[in-house]
N, C-alpha and C. Protein backbone atom coordinates (compact mmCIF):
# COMPACT_ATOMS: atom_id res chain seq x y z
N MET A 1 13.86 -7.10 12.71
CA MET A 1 15.24 -7.64 12.44
C MET A 1 15.52 -6.49 11.55
N ILE A 2 16.08 -5.65 11.50
CA ILE A 2 17.60 -5.22 10.79
C ILE A 2 18.86 -5.02 10.92
N LEU A 3 19.13 -4.71 9.71
CA LEU A 3 19.97 -4.98 9.35
C LEU A 3 20.66 -6.56 9.99
N SER A 4 19.47 -7.30 9.30
CA SER A 4 19.61 -9.26 10.22
C SER A 4 20.03 -8.71 11.69
N GLY A 5 19.84 -7.95 12.38
CA GLY A 5 19.71 -8.49 13.54
C GLY A 5 18.63 -8.61 14.52
N VAL A 6 18.63 -9.35 14.81
CA VAL A 6 17.60 -9.18 16.56
C VAL A 6 17.80 -8.37 17.57
N SER A 7 16.26 -8.03 17.61
CA SER A 7 16.55 -6.84 18.73
C SER A 7 14.72 -7.38 19.63
N PRO A 8 14.91 -6.99 20.84
CA PRO A 8 13.53 -7.77 21.39
C PRO A 8 13.21 -6.18 21.63
N ILE A 9 11.83 -5.73 20.72
CA ILE A 9 11.29 -4.25 20.29
C ILE A 9 10.88 -4.02 21.94
N LEU A 10 10.51 -4.26 23.04
CA LEU A 10 9.53 -3.66 24.09
C LEU A 10 10.14 -3.12 25.23
N ARG A 11 12.19 -3.28 25.31
CA ARG A 11 12.67 -2.46 25.97
C ARG A 11 12.27 -1.27 25.60
N PHE A 12 12.71 -1.11 24.07
CA PHE A 12 12.85 0.07 24.07
C PHE A 12 12.04 1.71 23.19
N ILE A 13 10.27 0.70 23.80
CA ILE A 13 9.73 1.22 23.29
C ILE A 13 9.27 2.54 24.17
N PRO A 14 9.77 2.89 25.30
CA PRO A 14 9.93 4.08 26.10
C PRO A 14 10.86 5.00 26.11
N GLN A 15 11.78 4.19 24.90
CA GLN A 15 12.59 5.67 24.91
C GLN A 15 12.53 6.24 23.40
N HIS A 16 11.84 5.60 22.45
CA HIS A 16 12.12 5.87 20.88
C HIS A 16 11.15 7.07 20.63
N PRO A 17 12.19 7.85 19.79
CA PRO A 17 11.30 9.03 20.18
C PRO A 17 10.43 9.03 18.95
N GLY A 18 10.00 8.13 18.31
CA GLY A 18 8.99 8.09 17.36
C GLY A 18 7.37 6.83 17.63
N GLY A 19 7.70 7.44 19.07
CA GLY A 19 6.23 6.77 19.25
C GLY A 19 6.50 4.56 19.38
N GLU A 20 5.53 4.67 19.92
CA GLU A 20 5.07 3.36 20.46
C GLU A 20 5.06 2.67 18.77
N GLU A 21 3.70 2.92 18.54
CA GLU A 21 3.38 2.52 17.27
C GLU A 21 3.77 2.20 16.33
N VAL A 22 4.92 2.86 15.28
CA VAL A 22 6.04 2.71 14.47
C VAL A 22 6.55 1.37 14.41
N LEU A 23 6.92 0.96 16.28
CA LEU A 23 8.07 0.21 16.20
C LEU A 23 6.90 -1.59 16.33
N LEU A 24 5.54 -0.96 16.97
CA LEU A 24 4.91 -2.40 17.14
C LEU A 24 4.23 -2.40 15.41
N GLU A 25 4.57 -2.05 14.74
CA GLU A 25 3.76 -1.71 13.60
C GLU A 25 4.37 -2.99 12.74
N GLN A 26 6.23 -2.89 12.55
CA GLN A 26 7.17 -3.61 12.74
C GLN A 26 7.52 -4.60 13.07
N ALA A 27 7.17 -5.26 14.15
CA ALA A 27 7.27 -6.44 14.84
C ALA A 27 7.00 -7.93 14.52
N GLY A 28 8.30 -8.62 14.89
CA GLY A 28 8.46 -9.72 13.55
C GLY A 28 8.33 -9.63 12.58
N ARG A 29 9.20 -8.89 12.52
CA ARG A 29 9.47 -8.27 10.45
C ARG A 29 9.90 -7.83 10.12
N VAL A 30 10.73 -7.61 8.80
CA VAL A 30 12.73 -7.65 8.93
C VAL A 30 11.44 -6.39 8.44
N ALA A 31 12.46 -5.23 9.03
CA ALA A 31 11.81 -3.69 9.23
C ALA A 31 13.56 -3.15 8.27
N THR A 32 14.60 -3.99 8.19
CA THR A 32 15.59 -2.43 7.75
C THR A 32 15.37 -1.60 6.92
N ASP A 33 13.23 -1.86 5.86
CA ASP A 33 13.87 -0.59 4.74
C ASP A 33 12.76 0.45 5.49
N ALA A 34 12.39 -0.21 6.31
CA ALA A 34 10.91 0.87 7.26
C ALA A 34 12.30 1.94 7.74
N PHE A 35 13.42 1.45 8.77
CA PHE A 35 14.23 1.83 9.60
C PHE A 35 14.94 2.65 8.26
N GLU A 36 15.50 2.38 7.28
CA GLU A 36 16.07 2.97 6.27
C GLU A 36 15.47 4.51 5.39
N ASP A 37 14.10 4.25 5.60
CA ASP A 37 13.02 5.09 4.94
C ASP A 37 13.40 6.27 5.39
N VAL A 38 13.79 6.44 7.22
CA VAL A 38 13.26 6.88 7.87
C VAL A 38 14.17 7.88 8.24
N GLY A 39 15.24 7.53 7.51
CA GLY A 39 16.52 8.06 7.61
C GLY A 39 17.24 8.52 9.73
N HIS A 40 17.41 7.68 10.00
CA HIS A 40 17.75 7.58 11.03
C HIS A 40 19.39 8.40 11.33
N SER A 41 19.73 8.81 12.03
CA SER A 41 21.49 9.31 12.57
C SER A 41 22.36 7.91 12.42
N THR A 42 23.26 8.82 13.04
CA THR A 42 24.52 7.46 13.47
C THR A 42 24.06 7.15 14.17
N ASP A 43 23.59 8.34 15.71
CA ASP A 43 23.64 7.92 16.87
C ASP A 43 22.82 6.97 16.90
N ALA A 44 21.11 6.87 16.07
CA ALA A 44 20.32 6.18 16.29
C ALA A 44 20.68 4.77 15.88
N ARG A 45 21.20 4.94 14.71
CA ARG A 45 22.36 3.24 14.18
C ARG A 45 23.18 2.83 15.70
N ASP A 46 23.76 3.73 15.84
CA ASP A 46 24.82 2.90 17.37
C ASP A 46 23.49 2.45 18.64
N MET A 47 22.85 2.44 19.04
CA MET A 47 22.50 2.77 20.06
C MET A 47 21.89 1.35 19.69
N MET A 48 21.51 1.19 18.29
CA MET A 48 21.17 -0.04 18.18
C MET A 48 21.39 -1.96 18.13
N GLY A 49 23.06 -1.70 18.81
CA GLY A 49 23.62 -2.07 19.21
C GLY A 49 23.35 -2.76 20.58
N THR A 50 23.23 -2.13 21.12
CA THR A 50 22.71 -1.79 22.94
C THR A 50 21.31 -3.28 22.72
N TYR A 51 20.76 -2.90 21.89
CA TYR A 51 19.89 -3.87 22.34
C TYR A 51 19.54 -5.27 21.44
N LEU A 52 20.98 -5.32 20.72
CA LEU A 52 21.03 -6.65 19.54
C LEU A 52 21.22 -7.79 20.97
N VAL A 53 20.46 -8.68 20.26
CA VAL A 53 20.47 -10.70 21.36
C VAL A 53 20.76 -11.66 20.20
N GLY A 54 21.45 -11.13 18.80
CA GLY A 54 21.77 -12.09 18.24
C GLY A 54 21.17 -11.83 16.54
N GLU A 55 21.88 -12.44 15.58
CA GLU A 55 21.97 -11.93 14.27
C GLU A 55 21.25 -13.26 13.66
N LEU A 56 20.89 -13.40 12.17
CA LEU A 56 19.78 -13.88 11.98
C LEU A 56 21.67 -14.77 10.93
N CYS A 57 22.04 -16.72 11.14
CA CYS A 57 23.02 -17.26 10.32
C CYS A 57 22.95 -17.22 8.78
N GLU A 58 23.63 -17.19 7.90
CA GLU A 58 23.29 -17.00 6.59
C GLU A 58 22.40 -18.31 5.62
N GLU A 59 22.09 -19.23 6.54
CA GLU A 59 20.81 -20.19 5.85
C GLU A 59 19.76 -19.11 5.56
N ASP A 60 19.41 -18.61 7.38
CA ASP A 60 18.42 -17.90 7.25
C ASP A 60 17.68 -16.76 6.60
N LYS A 61 18.77 -15.64 6.73
CA LYS A 61 18.70 -14.17 6.02
C LYS A 61 18.26 -14.65 4.26
N LYS A 62 18.62 -16.27 3.68
CA LYS A 62 18.24 -16.26 2.64
C LYS A 62 16.93 -16.63 1.77
N PHE A 63 15.73 -15.77 3.56
CA PHE A 63 14.07 -16.82 2.95
C PHE A 63 13.84 -14.68 4.28
N THR A 64 14.90 -14.06 3.66
CA THR A 64 14.32 -12.78 4.23
C THR A 64 14.67 -11.69 2.41
N LYS A 65 13.70 -10.54 2.81
CA LYS A 65 13.67 -9.82 1.58
C LYS A 65 14.83 -8.64 2.23
N ASP A 66 15.72 -8.39 2.76
CA ASP A 66 16.21 -7.72 3.21
C ASP A 66 18.21 -7.63 2.78
N ALA A 67 17.75 -6.18 1.79
CA ALA A 67 18.48 -6.22 0.71
C ALA A 67 20.10 -5.47 1.39
N GLY A 68 19.47 -5.41 2.53
CA GLY A 68 21.05 -5.19 3.98
C GLY A 68 20.74 -3.30 3.87
N PRO A 69 22.34 -2.31 4.48
CA PRO A 69 22.03 -1.37 4.51
C PRO A 69 22.18 0.05 3.72
N LYS A 70 21.33 0.62 3.33
CA LYS A 70 21.19 1.34 2.45
C LYS A 70 22.69 2.72 2.81
N GLU A 71 23.51 2.95 1.81
CA GLU A 71 24.75 3.99 2.08
C GLU A 71 23.87 5.02 3.27
N TRP A 72 24.73 5.08 4.26
CA TRP A 72 24.33 6.49 4.88
C TRP A 72 24.82 8.06 4.63
N GLN A 73 23.68 8.95 4.54
CA GLN A 73 25.14 10.37 4.17
C GLN A 73 24.36 10.95 5.11
N GLY A 74 24.14 10.62 5.92
CA GLY A 74 23.58 12.02 6.72
C GLY A 74 25.05 12.02 8.05
N GLY A 75 24.41 13.13 9.06
CA GLY A 75 25.62 13.14 10.21
C GLY A 75 25.32 12.73 11.55
N LYS A 76 26.15 12.76 12.56
CA LYS A 76 26.04 11.94 13.50
C LYS A 76 25.13 11.74 14.61
N ASN A 77 24.16 13.04 14.40
CA ASN A 77 22.55 13.21 15.31
C ASN A 77 21.94 13.75 14.32
N ALA A 78 20.48 14.13 14.67
CA ALA A 78 19.80 14.76 14.58
C ALA A 78 19.35 15.92 13.77
N ALA A 79 20.66 16.55 14.53
CA ALA A 79 21.13 17.99 14.13
C ALA A 79 21.59 18.19 13.26
N ASP A 80 22.42 17.31 12.87
CA ASP A 80 23.29 17.66 11.74
C ASP A 80 22.82 17.51 10.41
N ASP A 81 21.68 16.39 10.46
CA ASP A 81 21.03 15.78 9.64
C ASP A 81 20.03 16.88 8.59
N LYS A 82 20.62 18.11 8.15
CA LYS A 82 19.32 18.72 7.77
C LYS A 82 19.28 19.38 6.11
């Protein structure tokens, strides 16, 4: 789960530029902090919508440590994020 969105990561593993290990170690967890710490581009954030299958309801969000999205400072793609 990232930013309260639920996505099955297995479909994305072959396309993930960072490799499969980083995805698999976060599988089944609230991965927002790990996702934010990497500093993903806007393109990467937009791509997440392709894989989104659901979102946690407000009641279930109470039981996560997900503080929500951090303010994004980067550009539209990784080349802009210098």
